[in-house]
């Protein structure tokens, strides 16, 4: 199954899975993978690595923005089958082990089923393994407390809680980009809005903190936004965060 791979900058690729994005950072033969899509996205994940001239064995690390099933899908597979370490913010490590779950419930989704796009999205999520549990048995906190990680692409983790307690975005200063996970997206199957925005309220563990984390993203110097959902957004990330805040506060 072919993946939709788009080169954003030298060594930086945004990949659109079935409904979730992931990012590949390359440096020579080594690769950093940020997020992994749904469990059922694995064929596309493997194809995306092949398209950039890589393979699972060349992945130096998997970085996870947050431990929802549509981002965590193949992390444990890569860890157990290929020895790839899986790193998250310390607050997200127990979430990845499934000591608790901060994810929208089926009941909450059904309560919002009247909203445009929710039922088709729910069907897709179920078919893609969205309610399956694929915990990472040995997740690790980021190997550096601050600053860039010693990995391909030199990503800088930035804590942006709200969507989950340990959500993190990754600043790529050399590429002028931010990998924003679900802290700031550019579209979603359940949203009629286009452009930078927060996900609908039902998806956030603490929406007020998610809004507050836009202040953090606003301080990151970048002109490309690589979101967990929606298309690549090119333009000031500062302005993208401001627009999303204005929309969120207007609701």
C-alpha atoms as a PDB file:
ATOM      1  CA  UNK A   1       0.000   0.000   0.000  1.00  0.00           C
ATOM      2  CA  UNK A   2       1.542   3.309  -1.100  1.00  0.00           C
ATOM      3  CA  UNK A   3       1.968   6.072   1.425  1.00  0.00           C
ATOM      4  CA  UNK A   4       1.579   9.764   0.632  1.00  0.00           C
ATOM      5  CA  UNK A   5       5.085  11.085   1.378  1.00  0.00           C
ATOM      6  CA  UNK A   6       5.887  14.768   1.016  1.00  0.00           C
ATOM      7  CA  UNK A   7       9.346  16.256   1.428  1.00  0.00           C
ATOM      8  CA  UNK A   8       9.147  19.434   3.497  1.00  0.00           C
ATOM      9  CA  UNK A   9      12.865  20.245   3.803  1.00  0.00           C
ATOM     10  CA  UNK A  10      16.164  18.450   3.405  1.00  0.00           C
ATOM     11  CA  UNK A  11      15.800  15.183   5.292  1.00  0.00           C
ATOM     12  CA  UNK A  12      12.304  16.062   6.552  1.00  0.00           C
ATOM     13  CA  UNK A  13       9.208  14.223   5.298  1.00  0.00           C
ATOM     14  CA  UNK A  14       5.529  14.483   6.247  1.00  0.00           C
ATOM     15  CA  UNK A  15       3.587  11.275   5.618  1.00  0.00           C
ATOM     16  CA  UNK A  16      -0.207  11.118   5.403  1.00  0.00           C
ATOM     17  CA  UNK A  17      -1.574   7.806   6.643  1.00  0.00           C
ATOM     18  CA  UNK A  18      -5.189   6.754   6.475  1.00  0.00           C
ATOM     19  CA  UNK A  19      -6.290   9.506   8.862  1.00  0.00           C
ATOM     20  CA  UNK A  20      -3.156  10.380  10.842  1.00  0.00           C
ATOM     21  CA  UNK A  21       0.221  11.782   9.860  1.00  0.00           C
ATOM     22  CA  UNK A  22       3.733  10.826  10.880  1.00  0.00           C
ATOM     23  CA  UNK A  23       7.123  12.372  10.159  1.00  0.00           C
ATOM     24  CA  UNK A  24      10.413  10.884   8.979  1.00  0.00           C
ATOM     25  CA  UNK A  25      13.733  12.641   9.618  1.00  0.00           C
ATOM     26  CA  UNK A  26      16.748  11.291   7.741  1.00  0.00           C
ATOM     27  CA  UNK A  27      20.467  11.735   8.253  1.00  0.00           C
ATOM     28  CA  UNK A  28      22.680   9.524   6.135  1.00  0.00           C
ATOM     29  CA  UNK A  29      21.444   5.972   6.630  1.00  0.00           C
ATOM     30  CA  UNK A  30      19.762   6.713   9.964  1.00  0.00           C
ATOM     31  CA  UNK A  31      16.153   7.753  10.549  1.00  0.00           C
ATOM     32  CA  UNK A  32      14.064   9.278  13.307  1.00  0.00           C
ATOM     33  CA  UNK A  33      10.373   8.399  13.113  1.00  0.00           C
ATOM     34  CA  UNK A  34       7.869  10.694  14.829  1.00  0.00           C
ATOM     35  CA  UNK A  35       4.580   8.864  15.476  1.00  0.00           C
ATOM     36  CA  UNK A  36       3.463   5.702  13.679  1.00  0.00           C
ATOM     37  CA  UNK A  37      -0.218   6.045  12.711  1.00  0.00           C
ATOM     38  CA  UNK A  38      -2.987   3.547  13.442  1.00  0.00           C
ATOM     39  CA  UNK A  39      -2.177  -0.161  13.886  1.00  0.00           C
ATOM     40  CA  UNK A  40      -3.662  -0.797  10.423  1.00  0.00           C
ATOM     41  CA  UNK A  41      -1.383   1.868   8.904  1.00  0.00           C
ATOM     42  CA  UNK A  42       1.665  -0.403   9.242  1.00  0.00           C
ATOM     43  CA  UNK A  43       1.885  -1.260   5.503  1.00  0.00           C
ATOM     44  CA  UNK A  44       1.881   2.464   4.706  1.00  0.00           C
ATOM     45  CA  UNK A  45       4.406   3.134   7.461  1.00  0.00           C
ATOM     46  CA  UNK A  46       6.796   0.548   6.044  1.00  0.00           C
ATOM     47  CA  UNK A  47       6.248   1.850   2.516  1.00  0.00           C
ATOM     48  CA  UNK A  48       6.984   5.419   3.635  1.00  0.00           C
ATOM     49  CA  UNK A  49      10.324   4.299   5.037  1.00  0.00           C
ATOM     50  CA  UNK A  50      11.117   2.554   1.758  1.00  0.00           C
ATOM     51  CA  UNK A  51      10.185   5.643  -0.232  1.00  0.00           C
ATOM     52  CA  UNK A  52      12.812   7.707   1.574  1.00  0.00           C
ATOM     53  CA  UNK A  53      15.408   4.966   1.043  1.00  0.00           C
ATOM     54  CA  UNK A  54      15.205   3.539   4.542  1.00  0.00           C
ATOM     55  CA  UNK A  55      13.920   0.516   6.437  1.00  0.00           C
ATOM     56  CA  UNK A  56      12.737  -0.387   9.960  1.00  0.00           C
ATOM     57  CA  UNK A  57      16.242  -1.554  10.843  1.00  0.00           C
ATOM     58  CA  UNK A  58      17.618   1.921  10.122  1.00  0.00           C
ATOM     59  CA  UNK A  59      15.254   3.680  12.549  1.00  0.00           C
ATOM     60  CA  UNK A  60      17.374   5.127  15.361  1.00  0.00           C
ATOM     61  CA  UNK A  61      14.363   5.964  17.519  1.00  0.00           C
ATOM     62  CA  UNK A  62      10.613   6.383  17.513  1.00  0.00           C
ATOM     63  CA  UNK A  63       9.426   9.621  19.101  1.00  0.00           C
ATOM     64  CA  UNK A  64       5.760   9.738  20.102  1.00  0.00           C
ATOM     65  CA  UNK A  65       3.877  13.023  20.448  1.00  0.00           C
ATOM     66  CA  UNK A  66       1.270  11.287  22.611  1.00  0.00           C
ATOM     67  CA  UNK A  67       0.110   7.760  23.302  1.00  0.00           C
ATOM     68  CA  UNK A  68      -3.219   7.627  21.468  1.00  0.00           C
ATOM     69  CA  UNK A  69      -3.815   4.552  19.343  1.00  0.00           C
ATOM     70  CA  UNK A  70      -3.695   6.463  16.066  1.00  0.00           C
ATOM     71  CA  UNK A  71      -0.144   7.663  16.831  1.00  0.00           C
ATOM     72  CA  UNK A  72       1.205   4.708  18.806  1.00  0.00           C
ATOM     73  CA  UNK A  73       0.027   1.990  16.406  1.00  0.00           C
ATOM     74  CA  UNK A  74       3.333   0.365  15.359  1.00  0.00           C
ATOM     75  CA  UNK A  75       5.665   1.633  18.081  1.00  0.00           C
ATOM     76  CA  UNK A  76       5.770  -1.640  20.030  1.00  0.00           C
ATOM     77  CA  UNK A  77       6.183  -3.612  16.810  1.00  0.00           C
ATOM     78  CA  UNK A  78       9.272  -1.581  15.907  1.00  0.00           C
ATOM     79  CA  UNK A  79      10.619  -1.910  19.435  1.00  0.00           C
ATOM     80  CA  UNK A  80      10.221  -5.683  19.716  1.00  0.00           C
ATOM     81  CA  UNK A  81      10.977  -6.689  16.114  1.00  0.00           C
ATOM     82  CA  UNK A  82      13.759  -4.224  15.333  1.00  0.00           C
ATOM     83  CA  UNK A  83      15.087  -3.092  18.702  1.00  0.00           C
ATOM     84  CA  UNK A  84      14.038   0.531  18.170  1.00  0.00           C
ATOM     85  CA  UNK A  85      13.768   2.601  21.377  1.00  0.00           C
ATOM     86  CA  UNK A  86      10.476   4.434  21.884  1.00  0.00           C
ATOM     87  CA  UNK A  87      10.738   7.843  23.560  1.00  0.00           C
ATOM     88  CA  UNK A  88       8.019  10.091  25.016  1.00  0.00           C
ATOM     89  CA  UNK A  89       7.693  12.932  27.504  1.00  0.00           C
ATOM     90  CA  UNK A  90       8.087  11.518  31.044  1.00  0.00           C
ATOM     91  CA  UNK A  91       4.424  12.270  31.816  1.00  0.00           C
ATOM     92  CA  UNK A  92       3.385  10.235  28.769  1.00  0.00           C
ATOM     93  CA  UNK A  93       5.494   7.155  29.520  1.00  0.00           C
ATOM     94  CA  UNK A  94       2.898   5.516  31.829  1.00  0.00           C
ATOM     95  CA  UNK A  95       0.199   6.377  29.292  1.00  0.00           C
ATOM     96  CA  UNK A  96       2.133   4.462  26.632  1.00  0.00           C
ATOM     97  CA  UNK A  97       2.306   1.482  29.013  1.00  0.00           C
ATOM     98  CA  UNK A  98      -1.479   1.815  29.418  1.00  0.00           C
ATOM     99  CA  UNK A  99      -1.339   2.350  33.146  1.00  0.00           C
ATOM    100  CA  UNK A 100      -4.170   4.765  32.358  1.00  0.00           C
ATOM    101  CA  UNK A 101      -5.932   5.936  29.199  1.00  0.00           C
ATOM    102  CA  UNK A 102      -6.598   9.557  28.309  1.00  0.00           C
ATOM    103  CA  UNK A 103      -8.482   8.967  25.085  1.00  0.00           C
ATOM    104  CA  UNK A 104     -11.988   9.811  23.947  1.00  0.00           C
ATOM    105  CA  UNK A 105     -14.376   7.045  24.939  1.00  0.00           C
ATOM    106  CA  UNK A 106     -16.771   5.260  22.603  1.00  0.00           C
ATOM    107  CA  UNK A 107     -19.614   6.663  24.705  1.00  0.00           C
ATOM    108  CA  UNK A 108     -18.443  10.237  24.219  1.00  0.00           C
ATOM    109  CA  UNK A 109     -18.057   9.670  20.494  1.00  0.00           C
ATOM    110  CA  UNK A 110     -21.597   8.278  20.301  1.00  0.00           C
ATOM    111  CA  UNK A 111     -22.891  11.286  22.235  1.00  0.00           C
ATOM    112  CA  UNK A 112     -21.372  13.460  19.496  1.00  0.00           C
ATOM    113  CA  UNK A 113     -22.502  11.239  16.617  1.00  0.00           C
ATOM    114  CA  UNK A 114     -24.949  13.898  15.435  1.00  0.00           C
ATOM    115  CA  UNK A 115     -22.027  16.163  14.492  1.00  0.00           C
ATOM    116  CA  UNK A 116     -20.961  16.158  10.822  1.00  0.00           C
ATOM    117  CA  UNK A 117     -18.233  13.672  10.055  1.00  0.00           C
ATOM    118  CA  UNK A 118     -18.219  11.899  13.419  1.00  0.00           C
ATOM    119  CA  UNK A 119     -19.849   8.624  12.357  1.00  0.00           C
ATOM    120  CA  UNK A 120     -17.659   8.081   9.269  1.00  0.00           C
ATOM    121  CA  UNK A 121     -14.589   8.925  11.345  1.00  0.00           C
ATOM    122  CA  UNK A 122     -15.679   6.449  14.047  1.00  0.00           C
ATOM    123  CA  UNK A 123     -16.156   3.658  11.500  1.00  0.00           C
ATOM    124  CA  UNK A 124     -12.701   4.337  10.070  1.00  0.00           C
ATOM    125  CA  UNK A 125     -11.142   4.421  13.537  1.00  0.00           C
ATOM    126  CA  UNK A 126     -12.699   1.080  14.466  1.00  0.00           C
ATOM    127  CA  UNK A 127     -11.547  -0.547  11.228  1.00  0.00           C
ATOM    128  CA  UNK A 128      -8.040   0.862  11.700  1.00  0.00           C
ATOM    129  CA  UNK A 129      -7.585  -0.482  15.233  1.00  0.00           C
ATOM    130  CA  UNK A 130      -8.485   2.692  17.084  1.00  0.00           C
ATOM    131  CA  UNK A 131      -9.991   0.793  20.024  1.00  0.00           C
ATOM    132  CA  UNK A 132      -7.307  -1.898  20.140  1.00  0.00           C
ATOM    133  CA  UNK A 133      -4.624  -1.705  22.790  1.00  0.00           C
ATOM    134  CA  UNK A 134      -1.007  -1.853  21.646  1.00  0.00           C
ATOM    135  CA  UNK A 135       0.882  -0.647  24.731  1.00  0.00           C
ATOM    136  CA  UNK A 136       4.603  -0.110  24.620  1.00  0.00           C
ATOM    137  CA  UNK A 137       5.988  -2.459  27.233  1.00  0.00           C
ATOM    138  CA  UNK A 138       9.241  -0.544  27.750  1.00  0.00           C
ATOM    139  CA  UNK A 139       8.756   3.104  26.732  1.00  0.00           C
ATOM    140  CA  UNK A 140      11.478   5.527  27.763  1.00  0.00           C
ATOM    141  CA  UNK A 141      11.533   9.244  28.617  1.00  0.00           C
ATOM    142  CA  UNK A 142      13.360  11.509  26.193  1.00  0.00           C
ATOM    143  CA  UNK A 143      17.115  10.895  26.544  1.00  0.00           C
ATOM    144  CA  UNK A 144      17.778  14.598  27.157  1.00  0.00           C
ATOM    145  CA  UNK A 145      16.021  16.843  29.675  1.00  0.00           C
ATOM    146  CA  UNK A 146      16.160  19.838  27.336  1.00  0.00           C
ATOM    147  CA  UNK A 147      17.495  20.941  23.984  1.00  0.00           C
ATOM    148  CA  UNK A 148      17.887  18.914  20.797  1.00  0.00           C
ATOM    149  CA  UNK A 149      18.013  15.136  20.910  1.00  0.00           C
ATOM    150  CA  UNK A 150      21.083  13.421  19.486  1.00  0.00           C
ATOM    151  CA  UNK A 151      19.043  11.829  16.724  1.00  0.00           C
ATOM    152  CA  UNK A 152      18.613  12.404  12.979  1.00  0.00           C
ATOM    153  CA  UNK A 153      16.973  15.790  12.445  1.00  0.00           C
ATOM    154  CA  UNK A 154      17.995  17.032  15.929  1.00  0.00           C
ATOM    155  CA  UNK A 155      14.362  17.344  17.104  1.00  0.00           C
ATOM    156  CA  UNK A 156      13.715  19.433  20.207  1.00  0.00           C
ATOM    157  CA  UNK A 157      10.867  18.081  22.376  1.00  0.00           C
ATOM    158  CA  UNK A 158       8.555  20.744  23.823  1.00  0.00           C
ATOM    159  CA  UNK A 159       5.931  19.832  26.431  1.00  0.00           C
ATOM    160  CA  UNK A 160       2.438  20.904  25.322  1.00  0.00           C
ATOM    161  CA  UNK A 161      -0.054  19.311  27.750  1.00  0.00           C
ATOM    162  CA  UNK A 162      -3.805  19.369  27.356  1.00  0.00           C
ATOM    163  CA  UNK A 163      -4.611  16.892  24.645  1.00  0.00           C
ATOM    164  CA  UNK A 164      -2.948  14.452  27.039  1.00  0.00           C
ATOM    165  CA  UNK A 165      -0.866  15.174  30.140  1.00  0.00           C
ATOM    166  CA  UNK A 166       2.411  14.364  28.413  1.00  0.00           C
ATOM    167  CA  UNK A 167       1.778  15.594  24.887  1.00  0.00           C
ATOM    168  CA  UNK A 168       4.896  16.991  23.229  1.00  0.00           C
ATOM    169  CA  UNK A 169       5.573  18.743  19.960  1.00  0.00           C
ATOM    170  CA  UNK A 170       8.957  18.625  18.231  1.00  0.00           C
ATOM    171  CA  UNK A 171      10.707  21.758  17.042  1.00  0.00           C
ATOM    172  CA  UNK A 172      12.993  21.263  14.049  1.00  0.00           C
ATOM    173  CA  UNK A 173      15.038  24.491  13.993  1.00  0.00           C
ATOM    174  CA  UNK A 174      17.252  23.415  11.089  1.00  0.00           C
ATOM    175  CA  UNK A 175      14.203  22.646   8.934  1.00  0.00           C
ATOM    176  CA  UNK A 176      12.199  25.633  10.184  1.00  0.00           C
ATOM    177  CA  UNK A 177       9.334  23.346  11.166  1.00  0.00           C
ATOM    178  CA  UNK A 178       7.231  22.158  14.079  1.00  0.00           C
ATOM    179  CA  UNK A 179       5.847  18.622  14.314  1.00  0.00           C
ATOM    180  CA  UNK A 180       2.715  19.412  16.281  1.00  0.00           C
ATOM    181  CA  UNK A 181       0.933  16.096  16.820  1.00  0.00           C
ATOM    182  CA  UNK A 182      -2.564  16.841  18.105  1.00  0.00           C
ATOM    183  CA  UNK A 183      -1.666  20.042  19.953  1.00  0.00           C
ATOM    184  CA  UNK A 184      -2.287  22.019  16.739  1.00  0.00           C
ATOM    185  CA  UNK A 185      -3.756  20.518  13.575  1.00  0.00           C
ATOM    186  CA  UNK A 186      -4.749  21.816  10.150  1.00  0.00           C
ATOM    187  CA  UNK A 187      -7.888  19.724   9.693  1.00  0.00           C
ATOM    188  CA  UNK A 188      -9.727  16.629  10.863  1.00  0.00           C
ATOM    189  CA  UNK A 189     -12.467  14.357   9.571  1.00  0.00           C
ATOM    190  CA  UNK A 190     -14.793  15.581  12.337  1.00  0.00           C
ATOM    191  CA  UNK A 191     -14.141  19.289  11.754  1.00  0.00           C
ATOM    192  CA  UNK A 192     -15.616  21.511   9.074  1.00  0.00           C
ATOM    193  CA  UNK A 193     -12.871  24.079   9.649  1.00  0.00           C
ATOM    194  CA  UNK A 194      -9.866  24.433   7.365  1.00  0.00           C
ATOM    195  CA  UNK A 195      -6.445  25.589   8.464  1.00  0.00           C
ATOM    196  CA  UNK A 196      -4.760  25.762  11.889  1.00  0.00           C
ATOM    197  CA  UNK A 197      -7.094  24.773  14.726  1.00  0.00           C
ATOM    198  CA  UNK A 198      -7.502  22.696  17.835  1.00  0.00           C
ATOM    199  CA  UNK A 199      -9.197  19.347  17.510  1.00  0.00           C
ATOM    200  CA  UNK A 200     -12.861  19.292  18.592  1.00  0.00           C
ATOM    201  CA  UNK A 201     -13.266  19.493  22.363  1.00  0.00           C
ATOM    202  CA  UNK A 202     -14.238  15.844  22.876  1.00  0.00           C
ATOM    203  CA  UNK A 203     -10.728  14.716  21.945  1.00  0.00           C
ATOM    204  CA  UNK A 204      -8.861  16.701  24.625  1.00  0.00           C
ATOM    205  CA  UNK A 205      -8.202  15.412  28.127  1.00  0.00           C
ATOM    206  CA  UNK A 206      -8.115  19.032  29.370  1.00  0.00           C
ATOM    207  CA  UNK A 207      -9.176  21.515  26.729  1.00  0.00           C
ATOM    208  CA  UNK A 208      -8.173  24.606  28.771  1.00  0.00           C
ATOM    209  CA  UNK A 209      -4.597  23.315  29.000  1.00  0.00           C
ATOM    210  CA  UNK A 210      -4.653  22.520  25.280  1.00  0.00           C
ATOM    211  CA  UNK A 211      -5.580  26.146  24.587  1.00  0.00           C
ATOM    212  CA  UNK A 212      -2.842  27.351  26.957  1.00  0.00           C
ATOM    213  CA  UNK A 213      -0.253  25.193  25.172  1.00  0.00           C
ATOM    214  CA  UNK A 214      -0.821  27.219  22.023  1.00  0.00           C
ATOM    215  CA  UNK A 215       1.129  29.970  23.815  1.00  0.00           C
ATOM    216  CA  UNK A 216       4.105  27.603  23.954  1.00  0.00           C
ATOM    217  CA  UNK A 217       3.843  26.705  20.276  1.00  0.00           C
ATOM    218  CA  UNK A 218       3.579  30.389  19.409  1.00  0.00           C
ATOM    219  CA  UNK A 219       7.119  30.918  20.714  1.00  0.00           C
ATOM    220  CA  UNK A 220       8.670  28.376  18.324  1.00  0.00           C
ATOM    221  CA  UNK A 221      10.342  29.982  15.312  1.00  0.00           C
ATOM    222  CA  UNK A 222       9.199  28.070  12.241  1.00  0.00           C
ATOM    223  CA  UNK A 223       7.434  28.546   8.931  1.00  0.00           C
ATOM    224  CA  UNK A 224       6.125  24.999   8.400  1.00  0.00           C
ATOM    225  CA  UNK A 225       3.605  23.139  10.550  1.00  0.00           C
ATOM    226  CA  UNK A 226       3.629  19.342  10.286  1.00  0.00           C
ATOM    227  CA  UNK A 227       0.419  18.361  12.113  1.00  0.00           C
ATOM    228  CA  UNK A 228      -0.861  15.016  13.315  1.00  0.00           C
ATOM    229  CA  UNK A 229      -4.010  15.564  11.251  1.00  0.00           C
ATOM    230  CA  UNK A 230      -4.602  17.617   8.129  1.00  0.00           C
ATOM    231  CA  UNK A 231      -2.311  18.876   5.378  1.00  0.00           C
ATOM    232  CA  UNK A 232       1.062  20.558   5.673  1.00  0.00           C
ATOM    233  CA  UNK A 233       0.595  24.188   6.687  1.00  0.00           C
ATOM    234  CA  UNK A 234       3.184  26.563   5.281  1.00  0.00           C
ATOM    235  CA  UNK A 235       3.430  29.948   6.910  1.00  0.00           C
ATOM    236  CA  UNK A 236       4.295  31.399  10.297  1.00  0.00           C
ATOM    237  CA  UNK A 237       3.696  28.839  13.066  1.00  0.00           C
ATOM    238  CA  UNK A 238       3.292  31.785  15.428  1.00  0.00           C
ATOM    239  CA  UNK A 239       0.361  33.020  13.361  1.00  0.00           C
ATOM    240  CA  UNK A 240      -1.051  29.494  13.086  1.00  0.00           C
ATOM    241  CA  UNK A 241      -1.104  29.170  16.882  1.00  0.00           C
ATOM    242  CA  UNK A 242      -2.743  32.586  17.218  1.00  0.00           C
ATOM    243  CA  UNK A 243      -5.438  31.680  14.718  1.00  0.00           C
ATOM    244  CA  UNK A 244      -6.166  28.413  16.493  1.00  0.00           C
ATOM    245  CA  UNK A 245      -6.440  30.237  19.830  1.00  0.00           C
ATOM    246  CA  UNK A 246      -8.862  32.785  18.390  1.00  0.00           C
ATOM    247  CA  UNK A 247     -11.046  30.010  16.993  1.00  0.00           C
ATOM    248  CA  UNK A 248     -10.933  28.050  20.248  1.00  0.00           C
ATOM    249  CA  UNK A 249     -11.889  31.023  22.379  1.00  0.00           C
ATOM    250  CA  UNK A 250     -14.729  31.922  20.013  1.00  0.00           C
ATOM    251  CA  UNK A 251     -16.451  28.560  20.553  1.00  0.00           C
END
